[in-house]
Amino acid sequence: MVVSLVAEVALTAATAIVQFDSRGWTRFRDISIPDHVPDGLVGIALESNVVENCRPDLADVRIVASKGNVVPAIMTGTVDDSDSEAFLIPTFRTSRRAGKWTDIWIDKTAKVLSRGVMIKTSSQDFVRRVEVRGSDNNRESYVIRMDGLIADIASPVPLRTLDISFPNNNFQYILLRILDQEKPPLKMDGVLCYPPSASDALYRDLSARVIENRAIPSAGSTLLVADLGEKRFPLTRLAITTPVPEFVKKATVLAAASLNSESWIPISEGVVFRLRREDAVKEKLTAQVKPLPFRYIKVELSGGNGGPIPVESLQAWGTFRMAVFDHRRGESYRLYYDNPRAAAPVTDATRSSINVNQLAAASSEMTLGPEQKTVVTPSHAEGPEKPEKKGTPGVWTAVGLAMVLLGLLLLFLIMLRIRSSRRAYRGRNSRVVRGRL
């Protein structure tokens, strides 16, 4: 009986190791996973109203199964829209026809996919058309694009745009023909090449509802304010549409958590423009921002020649991070968050090579329920919450309980042994007394 008691207590202590203590976690949401989703890894997209209540590293996010145990999870990283991946490619031939054009041949050294190039030049104050052709043998060439534009404009809004995009191709050789048109040729310092863009599986369209769109003639500017909605993902990109055929404007993007906020936080500053030279048009109507969970966005378009430009619409895109974990059919899950003092959980290193794009594509089938407040009934007076410790301190609790119970068992066995010895001693004494009589 005592051995059974020891085993039962040890099992109970071991079970307690994996139980989730929700003290310290302020909020949770139920995770809805369709019945047809098979066992295996799933990714839950974290909306802005979850992320804005989490630690920046999402170390306080926990996935808890219906049995009360914490399910190991991995948080995916953020999307990087920068062009830092561009690589320098060698120029092996340059030829000029005075007053007409400059030809630049570049060699990617192999049939590598590319989506564009950037011309490096120290020249200033220019606008040039660029034709792009491709070749596999340095003799025959095929048209890729005929209406590229590069420019450097000093005023009234400084603009320097030297990139040329084109459809993905794997030509080994690229011919760039810069049309000089009776102007001095540009000083060439090299060419960068852009590989294909990353998958857009982690992007979602945001429903940007414009609640203010007005021109300010006295300042020559346009002001827009948009609401991205309560259910949204962190904003990463904005785009305007306008009928103005040619313009250059400074674009400042600000964000706030509340429409009545007294302070708007600047999150992006750049230039939007549309240039025309004959039948060639180049435009940049987008603004990239670091993914942020703010709900309200303000866009100011200012500077440049002429007055304010009319804006017909504002589009927005968001990106998201996911909580990735092993799902089992028949099990239900909750997502706990908002615990600033939570320690980073121990993750399963074997899950580091997950297919993020595949999980992101399937994440639209899984949703989070409405936010709920965590209610914990304290069993005793609680002091300040201690940070969650890494490892499994419950193991030592189980070992301690087992040692105590083993000690009690040994004490019980010793008592039985002593009692048995006393009975034997009394029996011998009674026989001796009867013999003497």
Protein backbone atom coordinates (compact mmCIF):
# COMPACT_ATOMS: atom_id res chain seq x y z
CA MET A 1 0.00 0.00 0.00
CA VAL A 2 2.81 2.37 0.88
CA VAL A 3 4.65 1.59 -2.37
CA SER A 4 1.47 2.34 -4.33
CA LEU A 5 1.11 5.62 -2.48
CA VAL A 6 4.68 6.59 -3.36
CA ALA A 7 4.12 5.78 -7.04
CA GLU A 8 0.85 7.72 -7.13
CA VAL A 9 2.36 10.85 -5.56
CA ALA A 10 5.39 10.70 -7.86
CA LEU A 11 3.10 10.40 -10.90
CA THR A 12 1.00 13.32 -9.71
CA ALA A 13 4.10 15.45 -9.22
CA ALA A 14 5.42 14.53 -12.68
CA THR A 15 2.06 15.44 -14.21
CA ALA A 16 2.19 18.81 -12.47
CA ILE A 17 5.43 19.56 -14.26
CA VAL A 18 3.67 20.15 -17.58
CA GLN A 19 0.62 21.94 -16.18
CA PHE A 20 0.38 25.61 -17.09
CA ASP A 21 0.16 28.16 -14.29
CA SER A 22 -1.73 31.10 -15.79
CA ARG A 23 -0.81 33.52 -13.01
CA GLY A 24 0.96 36.47 -14.60
CA TRP A 25 -0.68 36.00 -18.01
CA THR A 26 -3.35 38.67 -18.36
CA ARG A 27 -5.10 37.63 -21.60
CA PHE A 28 -5.93 34.58 -23.65
CA ARG A 29 -7.80 33.60 -26.82
CA ASP A 30 -9.26 30.31 -27.97
CA ILE A 31 -7.68 28.89 -31.12
CA SER A 32 -10.10 27.57 -33.73
CA ILE A 33 -8.68 24.79 -35.93
CA PRO A 34 -10.97 23.08 -38.49
CA ASP A 35 -11.56 19.35 -38.01
CA HIS A 36 -10.07 18.48 -41.40
CA VAL A 37 -6.62 19.87 -40.50
CA PRO A 38 -4.35 16.81 -40.08
CA ASP A 39 -1.98 16.15 -37.22
CA GLY A 40 1.29 17.99 -37.49
CA LEU A 41 2.68 21.51 -37.50
CA VAL A 42 0.26 24.43 -37.77
CA GLY A 43 0.85 28.17 -37.67
CA ILE A 44 -1.44 30.65 -35.92
CA ALA A 45 -1.15 34.17 -37.36
CA LEU A 46 -0.82 36.74 -34.57
CA GLU A 47 -2.96 39.82 -35.16
CA SER A 48 -1.92 43.33 -34.18
CA ASN A 49 -4.17 43.42 -31.13
CA VAL A 50 -2.27 40.38 -29.84
CA VAL A 51 1.22 41.59 -30.77
CA GLU A 52 0.75 45.04 -29.23
CA ASN A 53 0.07 43.38 -25.85
CA CYS A 54 3.08 41.06 -26.03
CA ARG A 55 6.75 41.48 -25.38
CA PRO A 56 8.66 42.58 -28.52
CA ASP A 57 10.31 39.14 -28.77
CA LEU A 58 6.94 37.35 -28.20
CA ALA A 59 8.60 35.40 -25.39
CA ASP A 60 5.42 35.59 -23.30
CA VAL A 61 3.24 33.74 -25.83
CA ARG A 62 2.15 30.28 -24.67
CA ILE A 63 0.06 27.63 -26.41
CA VAL A 64 -1.88 25.59 -23.84
CA ALA A 65 -3.78 22.40 -24.70
CA SER A 66 -7.15 21.49 -23.21
CA LYS A 67 -5.45 19.10 -20.79
CA GLY A 68 -3.64 22.07 -19.28
CA ASN A 69 -0.17 21.32 -20.58
CA VAL A 70 2.02 23.84 -22.41
CA VAL A 71 2.64 22.88 -26.03
CA PRO A 72 6.15 23.82 -27.27
CA ALA A 73 5.90 26.58 -29.90
CA ILE A 74 8.22 28.54 -32.15
CA MET A 75 7.65 32.18 -33.13
CA THR A 76 8.49 32.97 -36.76
CA GLY A 77 10.54 36.05 -37.59
CA THR A 78 9.54 39.30 -39.25
CA VAL A 79 9.58 40.01 -42.98
CA ASP A 80 12.44 42.16 -44.26
CA ASP A 81 11.55 44.26 -47.30
CA SER A 82 14.98 45.84 -47.64
CA ASP A 83 17.07 45.58 -50.80
CA SER A 84 20.20 44.57 -48.90
CA GLU A 85 20.34 41.27 -50.78
CA ALA A 86 21.41 43.00 -54.02
CA PHE A 87 24.81 41.76 -55.20
CA LEU A 88 27.49 43.37 -57.35
CA ILE A 89 27.99 41.86 -60.80
CA PRO A 90 31.04 42.50 -63.01
CA THR A 91 30.93 44.78 -66.04
CA PHE A 92 32.99 43.23 -68.81
CA ARG A 93 32.31 45.64 -71.66
CA THR A 94 31.38 49.33 -72.05
CA SER A 95 30.94 51.12 -75.37
CA ARG A 96 29.63 54.57 -76.28
CA ARG A 97 28.21 56.25 -79.31
CA ALA A 98 28.74 59.95 -78.81
CA GLY A 99 25.52 61.86 -78.24
CA LYS A 100 23.43 58.70 -78.65
CA TRP A 101 23.88 56.02 -76.03
CA THR A 102 26.17 54.12 -73.65
CA ASP A 103 26.12 50.30 -73.71
CA ILE A 104 27.05 48.36 -70.55
CA TRP A 105 27.40 44.58 -70.64
CA ILE A 106 27.25 42.73 -67.32
CA ASP A 107 27.91 39.05 -66.65
CA LYS A 108 26.05 37.22 -63.85
CA THR A 109 28.58 34.34 -64.37
CA ALA A 110 25.72 31.83 -64.52
CA LYS A 111 22.05 31.53 -65.49
CA VAL A 112 20.84 33.10 -62.24
CA LEU A 113 17.32 34.45 -61.80
CA SER A 114 17.12 38.23 -61.36
CA ARG A 115 14.31 40.78 -61.13
CA GLY A 116 16.17 44.04 -61.65
CA VAL A 117 19.39 46.03 -61.51
CA MET A 118 20.65 49.22 -59.93
CA ILE A 119 23.14 51.43 -61.73
CA LYS A 120 25.81 52.97 -59.53
CA THR A 121 26.95 56.40 -60.68
CA SER A 122 28.43 59.53 -59.12
CA SER A 123 26.79 61.75 -61.78
CA GLN A 124 24.13 64.22 -60.67
CA ASP A 125 21.26 66.18 -62.16
CA PHE A 126 20.06 63.87 -64.92
CA VAL A 127 17.11 61.91 -66.26
CA ARG A 128 17.89 59.05 -68.66
CA ARG A 129 15.91 56.38 -70.44
CA VAL A 130 17.33 52.85 -70.25
CA GLU A 131 16.74 49.83 -72.49
CA VAL A 132 17.39 46.33 -71.13
CA ARG A 133 18.23 43.23 -73.16
CA GLY A 134 19.33 39.73 -72.20
CA SER A 135 21.61 37.13 -73.74
CA ASP A 136 22.94 33.66 -73.05
CA ASN A 137 25.93 33.77 -75.41
CA ASN A 138 27.01 37.43 -75.53
CA ARG A 139 26.05 37.61 -79.22
CA GLU A 140 22.29 37.31 -79.61
CA SER A 141 20.14 39.46 -77.35
CA TYR A 142 16.46 39.57 -76.47
CA VAL A 143 14.42 42.56 -75.36
CA ILE A 144 13.55 42.57 -71.65
CA ARG A 145 12.43 46.17 -71.17
CA MET A 146 12.56 49.29 -73.36
CA ASP A 147 11.14 52.02 -71.12
CA GLY A 148 13.32 52.09 -68.02
CA LEU A 149 14.10 55.43 -66.34
CA ILE A 150 16.83 56.55 -63.94
CA ALA A 151 17.10 60.05 -62.50
CA ASP A 152 18.82 62.39 -60.08
CA ILE A 153 16.86 65.57 -59.30
CA ALA A 154 18.11 68.08 -56.73
CA SER A 155 15.05 70.29 -56.21
CA PRO A 156 12.48 71.18 -55.15
CA VAL A 157 12.30 67.70 -53.55
CA PRO A 158 15.56 65.74 -53.84
CA LEU A 159 15.04 62.52 -55.79
CA ARG A 160 17.57 59.85 -56.76
CA THR A 161 16.22 56.69 -58.36
CA LEU A 162 18.71 54.37 -60.08
CA ASP A 163 16.94 50.99 -60.07
CA ILE A 164 15.34 49.32 -63.08
CA SER A 165 12.92 46.45 -62.55
CA PHE A 166 12.02 43.83 -65.14
CA PRO A 167 10.31 40.42 -65.33
CA ASN A 168 12.24 37.57 -63.69
CA ASN A 169 14.71 36.02 -66.11
CA ASN A 170 17.82 33.85 -65.99
CA PHE A 171 19.90 35.36 -68.78
CA GLN A 172 23.58 35.16 -67.95
CA TYR A 173 24.39 38.43 -69.76
CA ILE A 174 22.45 41.69 -69.40
CA LEU A 175 22.89 44.64 -71.80
CA LEU A 176 21.96 48.07 -70.43
CA ARG A 177 21.67 50.83 -73.04
CA ILE A 178 21.52 54.29 -71.47
CA LEU A 179 20.16 56.82 -73.96
CA ASP A 180 22.25 59.99 -73.57
CA GLN A 181 20.40 62.05 -76.23
CA GLU A 182 23.09 64.69 -76.88
CA LYS A 183 24.01 64.92 -73.19
CA PRO A 184 27.26 63.89 -71.47
CA PRO A 185 27.44 60.18 -70.59
CA LEU A 186 27.09 59.16 -66.97
CA LYS A 187 30.10 58.16 -64.88
CA MET A 188 29.66 54.43 -64.30
CA ASP A 189 30.73 52.96 -60.94
CA GLY A 190 29.18 49.51 -61.24
CA VAL A 191 25.90 47.59 -61.39
CA LEU A 192 24.01 45.74 -58.66
CA CYS A 193 21.65 42.86 -59.42
CA TYR A 194 18.49 41.95 -57.51
CA PRO A 195 17.42 38.31 -57.07
CA PRO A 196 13.70 37.41 -57.20
CA SER A 197 11.54 38.80 -54.42
CA ALA A 198 10.72 36.62 -51.45
CA SER A 199 7.36 34.90 -51.31
CA ASP A 200 4.44 37.12 -50.32
CA ALA A 201 2.77 34.37 -48.25
CA LEU A 202 3.30 36.42 -45.07
CA TYR A 203 1.45 39.46 -46.45
CA ARG A 204 -2.23 40.25 -46.17
CA ASP A 205 -4.34 43.08 -47.59
CA LEU A 206 -5.54 45.45 -44.91
CA SER A 207 -8.90 47.16 -45.09
CA ALA A 208 -7.74 50.77 -44.90
CA ARG A 209 -10.79 52.97 -44.38
CA VAL A 210 -9.92 56.58 -45.25
CA ILE A 211 -11.62 58.86 -42.74
CA GLU A 212 -9.92 62.09 -43.83
CA ASN A 213 -8.67 63.13 -47.27
CA ARG A 214 -8.17 66.82 -47.78
CA ALA A 215 -5.92 69.23 -49.63
CA ILE A 216 -4.20 72.11 -47.82
CA PRO A 217 -3.66 74.72 -50.56
CA SER A 218 -1.79 77.15 -48.31
CA ALA A 219 0.88 74.51 -47.66
CA GLY A 220 0.66 72.81 -51.06
CA SER A 221 0.12 69.49 -49.30
CA THR A 222 -2.38 66.64 -49.00
CA LEU A 223 -3.39 65.00 -45.72
CA LEU A 224 -4.90 61.52 -45.35
CA VAL A 225 -5.96 59.67 -42.20
CA ALA A 226 -6.95 55.99 -42.34
CA ASP A 227 -8.32 53.40 -39.94
CA LEU A 228 -6.85 49.92 -40.43
CA GLY A 229 -9.56 48.29 -38.33
CA GLU A 230 -9.57 46.40 -35.06
CA LYS A 231 -8.78 43.02 -36.64
CA ARG A 232 -5.61 43.60 -38.62
CA PHE A 233 -1.98 42.61 -39.01
CA PRO A 234 1.02 44.89 -38.41
CA LEU A 235 1.31 47.44 -41.22
CA THR A 236 4.33 47.11 -43.52
CA ARG A 237 3.42 48.90 -46.79
CA LEU A 238 1.20 51.74 -48.04
CA ALA A 239 0.34 52.83 -51.58
CA ILE A 240 -1.59 55.79 -53.00
CA THR A 241 -3.36 56.19 -56.33
CA THR A 242 -3.52 59.57 -58.03
CA PRO A 243 -4.40 60.77 -61.56
CA VAL A 244 -1.62 63.41 -61.63
CA PRO A 245 0.59 62.60 -64.67
CA GLU A 246 3.88 63.84 -63.16
CA PHE A 247 4.89 64.95 -59.67
CA VAL A 248 7.47 64.58 -56.88
CA LYS A 249 6.31 64.81 -53.27
CA LYS A 250 7.78 64.20 -49.86
CA ALA A 251 5.77 61.48 -48.05
CA THR A 252 5.65 61.37 -44.26
CA VAL A 253 3.81 58.52 -42.54
CA LEU A 254 2.76 58.74 -38.89
CA ALA A 255 0.92 56.26 -36.67
CA ALA A 256 -1.13 56.26 -33.49
CA ALA A 257 -3.01 53.73 -31.40
CA SER A 258 -5.97 56.07 -30.98
CA LEU A 259 -7.62 58.54 -33.32
CA ASN A 260 -7.70 61.05 -30.47
CA SER A 261 -4.05 60.60 -29.68
CA GLU A 262 -2.23 63.86 -28.97
CA SER A 263 1.04 62.54 -30.39
CA TRP A 264 1.48 60.78 -33.74
CA ILE A 265 4.66 58.75 -34.08
CA PRO A 266 6.63 59.19 -37.34
CA ILE A 267 7.30 55.75 -38.83
CA SER A 268 8.44 56.51 -42.39
CA GLU A 269 9.74 59.38 -44.50
CA GLY A 270 10.56 59.23 -48.18
CA VAL A 271 9.59 60.39 -51.67
CA VAL A 272 6.70 59.38 -53.89
CA PHE A 273 6.84 60.36 -57.54
CA ARG A 274 5.80 59.81 -61.13
CA LEU A 275 8.25 60.72 -63.92
CA ARG A 276 7.59 60.81 -67.68
CA ARG A 277 9.98 61.03 -70.60
CA GLU A 278 8.23 60.47 -73.93
CA ASP A 279 6.57 57.03 -73.62
CA ALA A 280 8.63 55.99 -70.58
CA VAL A 281 7.00 56.28 -67.15
CA LYS A 282 8.50 55.50 -63.78
CA GLU A 283 6.66 55.83 -60.50
CA LYS A 284 6.99 55.00 -56.87
CA LEU A 285 3.71 55.41 -55.02
CA THR A 286 4.48 53.17 -52.05
CA ALA A 287 5.98 53.68 -48.61
CA GLN A 288 7.67 50.86 -46.71
CA VAL A 289 7.48 50.82 -42.92
CA LYS A 290 8.84 48.57 -40.22
CA PRO A 291 6.00 46.23 -39.16
CA LEU A 292 4.07 48.02 -36.42
CA PRO A 293 0.70 47.19 -34.78
CA PHE A 294 -0.78 50.73 -34.78
CA ARG A 295 -4.39 51.06 -35.89
CA TYR A 296 -4.48 54.64 -37.24
CA ILE A 297 -2.25 55.99 -40.01
CA LYS A 298 -1.67 59.55 -41.16
CA VAL A 299 0.00 60.33 -44.53
CA GLU A 300 1.26 63.82 -45.42
CA LEU A 301 2.29 64.60 -49.03
CA SER A 302 4.15 67.90 -49.25
CA GLY A 303 6.74 69.90 -51.18
CA GLY A 304 7.49 69.76 -54.88
CA ASN A 305 6.27 72.01 -57.67
CA GLY A 306 2.62 72.92 -57.88
CA GLY A 307 -0.07 72.57 -55.26
CA PRO A 308 -1.50 69.57 -53.46
CA ILE A 309 -2.15 66.42 -55.48
CA PRO A 310 -5.52 64.63 -55.30
CA VAL A 311 -5.41 61.10 -53.88
CA GLU A 312 -8.10 58.72 -55.08
CA SER A 313 -7.43 55.82 -52.71
CA LEU A 314 -5.06 54.44 -50.11
CA GLN A 315 -4.09 50.77 -50.00
CA ALA A 316 -2.33 49.02 -47.14
CA TRP A 317 -0.67 45.65 -46.61
CA GLY A 318 0.34 43.95 -43.42
CA THR A 319 2.67 41.15 -42.48
CA PHE A 320 2.47 38.79 -39.54
CA ARG A 321 4.36 36.45 -37.28
CA MET A 322 3.10 33.01 -36.41
CA ALA A 323 3.09 30.74 -33.38
CA VAL A 324 3.99 27.32 -34.80
CA PHE A 325 3.24 24.14 -32.82
CA ASP A 326 2.32 20.46 -33.16
CA HIS A 327 -1.43 20.01 -33.49
CA ARG A 328 -3.27 16.80 -32.59
CA ARG A 329 -6.85 16.12 -33.71
CA GLY A 330 -9.38 16.10 -30.92
CA GLU A 331 -7.30 18.53 -28.86
CA SER A 332 -8.29 22.15 -28.33
CA TYR A 333 -5.88 24.99 -27.62
CA ARG A 334 -5.64 28.43 -26.11
CA LEU A 335 -3.15 31.19 -26.74
CA TYR A 336 -2.01 33.02 -23.58
CA TYR A 337 -0.12 36.33 -23.76
CA ASP A 338 0.58 39.64 -22.00
CA ASN A 339 3.09 38.72 -19.29
CA PRO A 340 5.99 41.23 -19.29
CA ARG A 341 7.93 39.20 -16.72
CA ALA A 342 7.70 35.83 -18.45
CA ALA A 343 11.00 34.18 -19.25
CA ALA A 344 11.67 32.89 -22.75
CA PRO A 345 10.43 29.30 -23.04
CA VAL A 346 12.67 26.43 -24.02
CA THR A 347 11.96 25.63 -27.69
CA ASP A 348 12.44 22.47 -29.69
CA ALA A 349 15.56 23.05 -31.77
CA THR A 350 14.57 20.24 -34.14
CA ARG A 351 11.69 22.39 -35.38
CA SER A 352 13.91 25.28 -36.50
CA SER A 353 13.72 24.31 -40.21
CA ILE A 354 9.99 24.77 -40.76
CA ASN A 355 8.38 25.75 -44.06
CA VAL A 356 7.10 29.19 -43.08
CA ASN A 357 5.49 29.95 -46.45
CA GLN A 358 3.51 26.72 -46.47
CA LEU A 359 2.28 27.26 -42.92
CA ALA A 360 1.42 30.89 -43.68
CA ALA A 361 -0.69 29.87 -46.68
CA ALA A 362 -2.67 27.46 -44.51
CA SER A 363 -2.96 29.83 -41.54
CA SER A 364 -6.06 31.56 -42.94
CA GLU A 365 -8.08 28.44 -41.98
CA MET A 366 -7.18 28.90 -38.32
CA THR A 367 -8.50 31.84 -36.33
CA LEU A 368 -8.29 33.35 -32.87
CA GLY A 369 -11.39 33.94 -30.80
CA PRO A 370 -12.20 37.15 -28.95
CA GLU A 371 -9.84 38.32 -26.26
CA GLN A 372 -10.63 37.13 -22.73
CA LYS A 373 -9.17 38.12 -19.38
CA THR A 374 -7.39 35.49 -17.35
CA VAL A 375 -9.04 34.92 -13.96
CA VAL A 376 -7.02 33.00 -11.37
CA THR A 377 -8.49 32.08 -7.97
CA PRO A 378 -5.58 32.30 -5.52
CA SER A 379 -5.29 29.41 -3.08
CA HIS A 380 -3.19 31.46 -0.66
CA ALA A 381 -1.87 34.94 -0.21
CA GLU A 382 0.43 35.65 -3.10
CA GLY A 383 3.44 37.90 -3.10
CA PRO A 384 4.93 39.52 -6.20
CA GLU A 385 4.93 37.17 -9.17
CA LYS A 386 8.30 35.62 -9.81
CA PRO A 387 9.61 35.34 -13.37
CA GLU A 388 9.11 32.00 -15.01
CA LYS A 389 12.25 29.86 -14.70
CA LYS A 390 13.71 27.81 -17.50
CA GLY A 391 13.91 24.07 -17.06
CA THR A 392 11.59 21.86 -14.99
CA PRO A 393 11.75 22.74 -11.28
CA GLY A 394 8.80 20.36 -10.71
CA VAL A 395 11.23 17.44 -11.10
CA TRP A 396 12.91 18.40 -7.83
CA THR A 397 9.50 18.66 -6.17
CA ALA A 398 8.69 15.15 -7.33
CA VAL A 399 12.07 13.83 -6.15
CA GLY A 400 11.64 15.53 -2.78
CA LEU A 401 8.18 14.06 -2.27
CA ALA A 402 9.42 10.64 -3.29
CA MET A 403 12.36 10.83 -0.86
CA VAL A 404 10.08 11.86 2.01
CA LEU A 405 7.67 9.03 1.30
CA LEU A 406 10.52 6.52 0.97
CA GLY A 407 11.79 7.73 4.35
CA LEU A 408 8.35 7.17 5.85
CA LEU A 409 8.26 3.73 4.28
CA LEU A 410 11.64 2.81 5.80
CA LEU A 411 10.53 4.13 9.18
CA PHE A 412 7.36 2.05 8.93
CA LEU A 413 9.37 -1.09 8.07
CA ILE A 414 11.75 -0.45 10.99
CA MET A 415 8.79 -0.10 13.36
CA LEU A 416 7.38 -3.40 12.10
CA ARG A 417 10.77 -5.05 12.63
CA ILE A 418 11.01 -3.74 16.20
CA ARG A 419 7.47 -4.86 16.99
CA SER A 420 8.20 -8.34 15.65
CA SER A 421 11.40 -8.55 17.72
CA ARG A 422 9.54 -7.57 20.91
CA ARG A 423 6.91 -10.25 20.33
CA ALA A 424 9.63 -12.89 19.85
CA TYR A 425 11.43 -11.78 23.02
CA ARG A 426 8.23 -11.90 25.09
CA GLY A 427 7.49 -15.40 23.76
CA ARG A 428 10.92 -16.73 24.87
CA ASN A 429 10.56 -15.22 28.36
CA SER A 430 7.14 -16.82 28.91
CA ARG A 431 8.52 -20.29 28.01
CA VAL A 432 11.39 -19.91 30.46
CA VAL A 433 9.01 -18.98 33.33
CA ARG A 434 6.71 -21.98 32.67
CA GLY A 435 9.70 -24.35 32.63
CA ARG A 436 10.86 -23.25 36.06
CA LEU A 437 7.46 -23.71 37.54
